[in-house]
C-alpha atoms as a PDB file:
ATOM      1  CA  MET A   1     103.449 104.585 106.382  1.00  0.00           C
ATOM      2  CA  ILE A   2     106.032 106.463 104.364  1.00  0.00           C
ATOM      3  CA  THR A   3     107.134 110.018 104.991  1.00  0.00           C
ATOM      4  CA  LYS A   4     106.793 112.961 102.621  1.00  0.00           C
ATOM      5  CA  THR A   5     110.540 112.798 101.933  1.00  0.00           C
ATOM      6  CA  GLN A   6     110.344 109.093 101.149  1.00  0.00           C
ATOM      7  CA  MET A   7     107.415 109.697  98.809  1.00  0.00           C
ATOM      8  CA  ARG A   8     109.417 112.266  96.888  1.00  0.00           C
ATOM      9  CA  ARG A   9     112.269 109.792  96.607  1.00  0.00           C
ATOM     10  CA  ILE A  10     109.875 107.114  95.332  1.00  0.00           C
ATOM     11  CA  LEU A  11     108.479 109.419  92.656  1.00  0.00           C
ATOM     12  CA  ASP A  12     111.961 110.498  91.577  1.00  0.00           C
ATOM     13  CA  THR A  13     113.063 106.861  91.394  1.00  0.00           C
ATOM     14  CA  PHE A  14     110.082 105.951  89.222  1.00  0.00           C
ATOM     15  CA  ALA A  15     110.982 108.848  86.938  1.00  0.00           C
ATOM     16  CA  GLU A  16     114.621 107.784  86.679  1.00  0.00           C
ATOM     17  CA  MET A  17     113.783 104.144  85.989  1.00  0.00           C
ATOM     18  CA  PHE A  18     110.924 104.718  83.552  1.00  0.00           C
ATOM     19  CA  PRO A  19     111.135 108.230  82.086  1.00  0.00           C
ATOM     20  CA  ASP A  20     109.210 107.199  78.982  1.00  0.00           C
ATOM     21  CA  ALA A  21     106.355 105.376  80.723  1.00  0.00           C
ATOM     22  CA  HIS A  22     103.088 105.626  78.827  1.00  0.00           C
ATOM     23  CA  CYS A  23      99.826 103.852  78.109  1.00  0.00           C
ATOM     24  CA  GLU A  24     100.765 100.666  76.256  1.00  0.00           C
ATOM     25  CA  LEU A  25      97.312 100.070  74.791  1.00  0.00           C
ATOM     26  CA  ASN A  26      97.523 100.941  71.104  1.00  0.00           C
ATOM     27  CA  HIS A  27      94.978 103.554  70.026  1.00  0.00           C
ATOM     28  CA  THR A  28      94.646 106.638  67.843  1.00  0.00           C
ATOM     29  CA  ASN A  29      91.697 108.433  69.457  1.00  0.00           C
ATOM     30  CA  PRO A  30      89.607 108.507  72.667  1.00  0.00           C
ATOM     31  CA  PHE A  31      87.024 106.087  71.280  1.00  0.00           C
ATOM     32  CA  GLU A  32      89.610 103.437  70.431  1.00  0.00           C
ATOM     33  CA  LEU A  33      91.228 103.908  73.834  1.00  0.00           C
ATOM     34  CA  THR A  34      87.891 103.423  75.576  1.00  0.00           C
ATOM     35  CA  ILE A  35      87.254 100.182  73.690  1.00  0.00           C
ATOM     36  CA  ALA A  36      90.802  98.972  74.386  1.00  0.00           C
ATOM     37  CA  VAL A  37      90.571  99.673  78.108  1.00  0.00           C
ATOM     38  CA  VAL A  38      87.219  97.868  78.331  1.00  0.00           C
ATOM     39  CA  LEU A  39      88.845  94.878  76.631  1.00  0.00           C
ATOM     40  CA  SER A  40      91.839  95.011  78.988  1.00  0.00           C
ATOM     41  CA  ALA A  41      89.839  94.146  82.126  1.00  0.00           C
ATOM     42  CA  GLN A  42      91.435  91.009  83.616  1.00  0.00           C
ATOM     43  CA  CYS A  43      93.582  90.760  80.506  1.00  0.00           C
ATOM     44  CA  THR A  44      97.062  91.913  79.516  1.00  0.00           C
ATOM     45  CA  ASP A  45      97.665  94.948  77.324  1.00  0.00           C
ATOM     46  CA  ALA A  46      99.812  92.752  75.077  1.00  0.00           C
ATOM     47  CA  LEU A  47      96.896  90.442  74.311  1.00  0.00           C
ATOM     48  CA  VAL A  48      94.545  93.353  73.700  1.00  0.00           C
ATOM     49  CA  ASN A  49      97.074  94.848  71.277  1.00  0.00           C
ATOM     50  CA  LYS A  50      96.987  91.627  69.253  1.00  0.00           C
ATOM     51  CA  VAL A  51      93.233  91.939  68.786  1.00  0.00           C
ATOM     52  CA  THR A  52      92.734  95.670  68.253  1.00  0.00           C
ATOM     53  CA  PRO A  53      94.506  96.126  64.872  1.00  0.00           C
ATOM     54  CA  HIS A  54      91.840  94.002  63.158  1.00  0.00           C
ATOM     55  CA  LEU A  55      89.101  95.334  65.413  1.00  0.00           C
ATOM     56  CA  PHE A  56      89.882  99.004  64.816  1.00  0.00           C
ATOM     57  CA  ALA A  57      90.248  98.442  61.085  1.00  0.00           C
ATOM     58  CA  LYS A  58      86.801  96.857  60.965  1.00  0.00           C
ATOM     59  CA  TYR A  59      84.989  99.136  63.428  1.00  0.00           C
ATOM     60  CA  LYS A  60      85.780 102.840  63.292  1.00  0.00           C
ATOM     61  CA  THR A  61      82.659 104.393  64.847  1.00  0.00           C
ATOM     62  CA  PRO A  62      80.056 103.473  67.477  1.00  0.00           C
ATOM     63  CA  GLU A  63      77.624 102.810  64.626  1.00  0.00           C
ATOM     64  CA  ASP A  64      80.000 100.242  63.146  1.00  0.00           C
ATOM     65  CA  TYR A  65      79.936  98.146  66.319  1.00  0.00           C
ATOM     66  CA  LEU A  66      76.132  98.119  66.223  1.00  0.00           C
ATOM     67  CA  SER A  67      75.936  97.219  62.538  1.00  0.00           C
ATOM     68  CA  VAL A  68      76.865  93.575  63.178  1.00  0.00           C
ATOM     69  CA  PRO A  69      75.200  90.843  65.250  1.00  0.00           C
ATOM     70  CA  LEU A  70      76.533  90.427  68.775  1.00  0.00           C
ATOM     71  CA  GLU A  71      77.820  86.978  67.819  1.00  0.00           C
ATOM     72  CA  GLU A  72      80.068  88.458  65.135  1.00  0.00           C
ATOM     73  CA  LEU A  73      81.628  90.920  67.563  1.00  0.00           C
ATOM     74  CA  GLU A  74      82.125  88.076  70.034  1.00  0.00           C
ATOM     75  CA  GLN A  75      84.106  86.176  67.417  1.00  0.00           C
ATOM     76  CA  ASP A  76      86.227  89.244  66.701  1.00  0.00           C
ATOM     77  CA  ILE A  77      87.377  89.396  70.327  1.00  0.00           C
ATOM     78  CA  ARG A  78      87.120  85.691  71.165  1.00  0.00           C
ATOM     79  CA  SER A  79      90.788  85.376  72.183  1.00  0.00           C
ATOM     80  CA  ILE A  80      90.256  87.856  75.012  1.00  0.00           C
ATOM     81  CA  GLY A  81      88.991  86.712  78.400  1.00  0.00           C
ATOM     82  CA  LEU A  82      85.317  87.360  79.231  1.00  0.00           C
ATOM     83  CA  TYR A  83      84.759  88.129  75.549  1.00  0.00           C
ATOM     84  CA  ARG A  84      81.006  87.517  75.611  1.00  0.00           C
ATOM     85  CA  ASN A  85      80.377  89.986  78.416  1.00  0.00           C
ATOM     86  CA  LYS A  86      82.796  92.503  76.907  1.00  0.00           C
ATOM     87  CA  ALA A  87      81.103  92.284  73.516  1.00  0.00           C
ATOM     88  CA  LYS A  88      77.744  93.030  75.128  1.00  0.00           C
ATOM     89  CA  ASN A  89      79.185  95.992  77.028  1.00  0.00           C
ATOM     90  CA  ILE A  90      80.863  97.377  73.917  1.00  0.00           C
ATOM     91  CA  GLN A  91      77.608  97.390  71.982  1.00  0.00           C
ATOM     92  CA  LYS A  92      75.722  98.918  74.923  1.00  0.00           C
ATOM     93  CA  LEU A  93      78.479 101.507  75.320  1.00  0.00           C
ATOM     94  CA  CYS A  94      78.302 102.398  71.630  1.00  0.00           C
ATOM     95  CA  ARG A  95      74.532 102.734  71.769  1.00  0.00           C
ATOM     96  CA  MET A  96      74.812 105.113  74.713  1.00  0.00           C
ATOM     97  CA  LEU A  97      77.478 107.177  72.951  1.00  0.00           C
ATOM     98  CA  ILE A  98      75.142 107.565  69.981  1.00  0.00           C
ATOM     99  CA  GLU A  99      72.002 108.307  71.977  1.00  0.00           C
ATOM    100  CA  GLU A 100      73.400 110.497  74.737  1.00  0.00           C
ATOM    101  CA  TYR A 101      76.819 111.847  73.724  1.00  0.00           C
ATOM    102  CA  ASP A 102      76.547 112.557  69.996  1.00  0.00           C
ATOM    103  CA  CYS A 103      79.043 109.743  69.326  1.00  0.00           C
ATOM    104  CA  GLU A 104      81.762 111.521  71.337  1.00  0.00           C
ATOM    105  CA  VAL A 105      83.491 109.966  74.342  1.00  0.00           C
ATOM    106  CA  PRO A 106      82.817 112.232  77.352  1.00  0.00           C
ATOM    107  CA  GLN A 107      85.799 113.786  79.103  1.00  0.00           C
ATOM    108  CA  ASP A 108      84.307 113.881  82.595  1.00  0.00           C
ATOM    109  CA  ARG A 109      85.046 110.848  84.781  1.00  0.00           C
ATOM    110  CA  ASP A 110      81.539 110.666  86.223  1.00  0.00           C
ATOM    111  CA  GLU A 111      80.066 110.724  82.724  1.00  0.00           C
ATOM    112  CA  LEU A 112      82.537 108.089  81.563  1.00  0.00           C
ATOM    113  CA  MET A 113      81.509 105.832  84.442  1.00  0.00           C
ATOM    114  CA  LYS A 114      77.928 105.843  83.167  1.00  0.00           C
ATOM    115  CA  LEU A 115      79.077 103.891  80.119  1.00  0.00           C
ATOM    116  CA  PRO A 116      78.596 100.091  80.283  1.00  0.00           C
ATOM    117  CA  GLY A 117      81.827  98.280  81.113  1.00  0.00           C
ATOM    118  CA  VAL A 118      83.536 101.450  82.308  1.00  0.00           C
ATOM    119  CA  GLY A 119      84.451 101.470  85.979  1.00  0.00           C
ATOM    120  CA  ARG A 120      86.459 104.017  87.930  1.00  0.00           C
ATOM    121  CA  LYS A 121      89.825 102.663  86.789  1.00  0.00           C
ATOM    122  CA  THR A 122      88.806 102.654  83.138  1.00  0.00           C
ATOM    123  CA  ALA A 123      87.346 106.149  83.425  1.00  0.00           C
ATOM    124  CA  ASN A 124      90.558 107.438  85.013  1.00  0.00           C
ATOM    125  CA  VAL A 125      92.663 105.931  82.222  1.00  0.00           C
ATOM    126  CA  VAL A 126      90.532 107.481  79.496  1.00  0.00           C
ATOM    127  CA  ALA A 127      90.211 110.869  81.190  1.00  0.00           C
ATOM    128  CA  SER A 128      93.938 111.028  81.857  1.00  0.00           C
ATOM    129  CA  THR A 129      95.384 109.539  78.678  1.00  0.00           C
ATOM    130  CA  ALA A 130      92.894 110.828  76.114  1.00  0.00           C
ATOM    131  CA  PHE A 131      92.014 114.195  77.604  1.00  0.00           C
ATOM    132  CA  GLY A 132      94.874 115.166  79.914  1.00  0.00           C
ATOM    133  CA  VAL A 133      92.711 115.230  83.042  1.00  0.00           C
ATOM    134  CA  PRO A 134      94.851 114.625  86.169  1.00  0.00           C
ATOM    135  CA  ALA A 135      93.964 111.150  87.446  1.00  0.00           C
ATOM    136  CA  ILE A 136      95.461 108.026  88.998  1.00  0.00           C
ATOM    137  CA  ALA A 137      94.043 104.745  87.753  1.00  0.00           C
ATOM    138  CA  VAL A 138      94.602 101.933  90.230  1.00  0.00           C
ATOM    139  CA  ASP A 139      95.139  98.665  88.411  1.00  0.00           C
ATOM    140  CA  THR A 140      96.732  95.534  89.847  1.00  0.00           C
ATOM    141  CA  HIS A 141     100.259  96.936  89.370  1.00  0.00           C
ATOM    142  CA  VAL A 142      99.560 100.295  91.014  1.00  0.00           C
ATOM    143  CA  GLU A 143      97.791  98.609  93.912  1.00  0.00           C
ATOM    144  CA  ARG A 144     100.586  96.092  94.477  1.00  0.00           C
ATOM    145  CA  VAL A 145     103.379  98.661  94.336  1.00  0.00           C
ATOM    146  CA  SER A 146     101.505 101.075  96.622  1.00  0.00           C
ATOM    147  CA  LYS A 147     101.001  98.427  99.270  1.00  0.00           C
ATOM    148  CA  ARG A 148     104.492  96.968  99.077  1.00  0.00           C
ATOM    149  CA  LEU A 149     106.080 100.391  99.481  1.00  0.00           C
ATOM    150  CA  GLY A 150     103.776 101.413 102.318  1.00  0.00           C
ATOM    151  CA  ILE A 151     102.035 104.164 100.380  1.00  0.00           C
ATOM    152  CA  ALA A 152      98.773 102.387 101.186  1.00  0.00           C
ATOM    153  CA  ARG A 153      97.719  99.757 103.705  1.00  0.00           C
ATOM    154  CA  TRP A 154      97.443  96.060 102.881  1.00  0.00           C
ATOM    155  CA  LYS A 155      93.705  96.038 103.591  1.00  0.00           C
ATOM    156  CA  ASP A 156      92.949  99.130 101.475  1.00  0.00           C
ATOM    157  CA  THR A 157      90.502  98.850  98.595  1.00  0.00           C
ATOM    158  CA  PRO A 158      91.531 100.151  95.152  1.00  0.00           C
ATOM    159  CA  LEU A 159      89.565 103.342  95.878  1.00  0.00           C
ATOM    160  CA  GLN A 160      91.424 103.817  99.172  1.00  0.00           C
ATOM    161  CA  VAL A 161      94.722 103.247  97.368  1.00  0.00           C
ATOM    162  CA  GLU A 162      93.743 105.894  94.830  1.00  0.00           C
ATOM    163  CA  GLU A 163      92.825 108.334  97.593  1.00  0.00           C
ATOM    164  CA  ALA A 164      96.136 107.695  99.376  1.00  0.00           C
ATOM    165  CA  LEU A 165      98.075 108.361  96.179  1.00  0.00           C
ATOM    166  CA  MET A 166      96.092 111.519  95.460  1.00  0.00           C
ATOM    167  CA  LYS A 167      97.064 112.846  98.880  1.00  0.00           C
ATOM    168  CA  LYS A 168     100.749 111.989  98.580  1.00  0.00           C
ATOM    169  CA  VAL A 169     101.453 112.703  94.907  1.00  0.00           C
ATOM    170  CA  PRO A 170     101.347 116.300  93.621  1.00  0.00           C
ATOM    171  CA  ARG A 171      98.282 116.760  91.398  1.00  0.00           C
ATOM    172  CA  GLU A 172     100.369 117.764  88.403  1.00  0.00           C
ATOM    173  CA  GLU A 173     102.171 114.408  88.658  1.00  0.00           C
ATOM    174  CA  TRP A 174      99.114 112.167  89.016  1.00  0.00           C
ATOM    175  CA  SER A 175      98.874 111.012  85.404  1.00  0.00           C
ATOM    176  CA  ILE A 176     102.556 110.369  84.751  1.00  0.00           C
ATOM    177  CA  THR A 177     102.936 108.680  88.140  1.00  0.00           C
ATOM    178  CA  HIS A 178     100.130 106.305  87.184  1.00  0.00           C
ATOM    179  CA  HIS A 179     102.048 105.231  84.071  1.00  0.00           C
ATOM    180  CA  ARG A 180     105.384 105.008  85.866  1.00  0.00           C
ATOM    181  CA  MET A 181     103.902 102.863  88.645  1.00  0.00           C
ATOM    182  CA  ILE A 182     102.442 100.496  86.078  1.00  0.00           C
ATOM    183  CA  PHE A 183     105.839 100.155  84.395  1.00  0.00           C
ATOM    184  CA  PHE A 184     107.522  99.701  87.778  1.00  0.00           C
ATOM    185  CA  GLY A 185     105.056  96.953  88.693  1.00  0.00           C
ATOM    186  CA  ARG A 186     104.987  95.315  85.278  1.00  0.00           C
ATOM    187  CA  TYR A 187     108.718  95.212  84.609  1.00  0.00           C
ATOM    188  CA  HIS A 188     110.444  95.471  88.010  1.00  0.00           C
ATOM    189  CA  CYS A 189     108.267  94.960  91.094  1.00  0.00           C
ATOM    190  CA  LYS A 190     106.462  91.985  89.579  1.00  0.00           C
ATOM    191  CA  ALA A 191     103.763  90.007  91.341  1.00  0.00           C
ATOM    192  CA  VAL A 192     105.965  86.913  91.184  1.00  0.00           C
ATOM    193  CA  ASN A 193     109.731  87.175  91.504  1.00  0.00           C
ATOM    194  CA  PRO A 194     110.085  90.939  92.005  1.00  0.00           C
ATOM    195  CA  GLN A 195     113.635  92.206  91.494  1.00  0.00           C
ATOM    196  CA  CYS A 196     114.167  93.103  95.140  1.00  0.00           C
ATOM    197  CA  GLU A 197     117.910  92.439  95.119  1.00  0.00           C
ATOM    198  CA  ILE A 198     118.533  95.261  92.629  1.00  0.00           C
ATOM    199  CA  CYS A 199     115.726  97.581  93.685  1.00  0.00           C
ATOM    200  CA  PRO A 200     116.808 101.130  94.578  1.00  0.00           C
ATOM    201  CA  LEU A 201     113.849 101.357  96.969  1.00  0.00           C
ATOM    202  CA  LEU A 202     114.583  98.169  98.905  1.00  0.00           C
ATOM    203  CA  ASP A 203     115.516 100.008 102.097  1.00  0.00           C
ATOM    204  CA  ILE A 204     112.024 101.512 102.407  1.00  0.00           C
ATOM    205  CA  CYS A 205     110.048  98.560 101.013  1.00  0.00           C
ATOM    206  CA  ARG A 206     108.550  96.436 103.762  1.00  0.00           C
ATOM    207  CA  GLU A 207     107.707  93.608 101.379  1.00  0.00           C
ATOM    208  CA  GLY A 208     111.166  93.621  99.819  1.00  0.00           C
ATOM    209  CA  LYS A 209     112.900  93.445 103.187  1.00  0.00           C
ATOM    210  CA  LYS A 210     110.833  90.413 104.148  1.00  0.00           C
ATOM    211  CA  ARG A 211     111.575  88.703 100.862  1.00  0.00           C
ATOM    212  CA  MET A 212     115.308  89.311 101.131  1.00  0.00           C
ATOM    213  CA  LYS A 213     115.407  87.938 104.700  1.00  0.00           C
ATOM    214  CA  THR A 214     113.830  84.684 103.536  1.00  0.00           C
ATOM    215  CA  LYS A 215     116.575  84.328 100.918  1.00  0.00           C
ATOM    216  CA  LEU A 216     119.365  84.526 103.490  1.00  0.00           C
END
């Protein structure tokens, strides 16, 4: 596992490479963000961003999503994977917001996780991005980068990866580190063909060293 000094170097490198990292899901308020993150499960942010302009123009409140038949909402998000299940969750989520939260998205992660279609990762994204609550959301990019760099173990679950990051990253840097790790994984340390040969962290990356040896 990496040392405290190495962790600081990793965080500083992320900051240097992606100083403007941010949530790439387009939204204008916590409710839109919640819907967008639910749609993004097993789907790229880019695809979600193609669907949400029409969606957010048509549906502005939880009541709006419940004013149409489920089949109509399904058609509105049909280009997104698992659209039938996501449409059901969105309507259930909206009903719960109306009945239990006065149409306001809750700020607390545990309350967010009570909403249909909202797991721990989604709740962390919403809490962090919409409300400024320190959190680290472990998506596929964060998990991959953490394991390749030795921040977490290969066998760790996403929750264990999150716990490892929370221990090693200063609390005040949790949210921005989450975004920077996503950018690092999405644009540099990719799942396929990572840019190991130009990576400034190659010397402490166990995966990168293995990959470079196979290229020799």
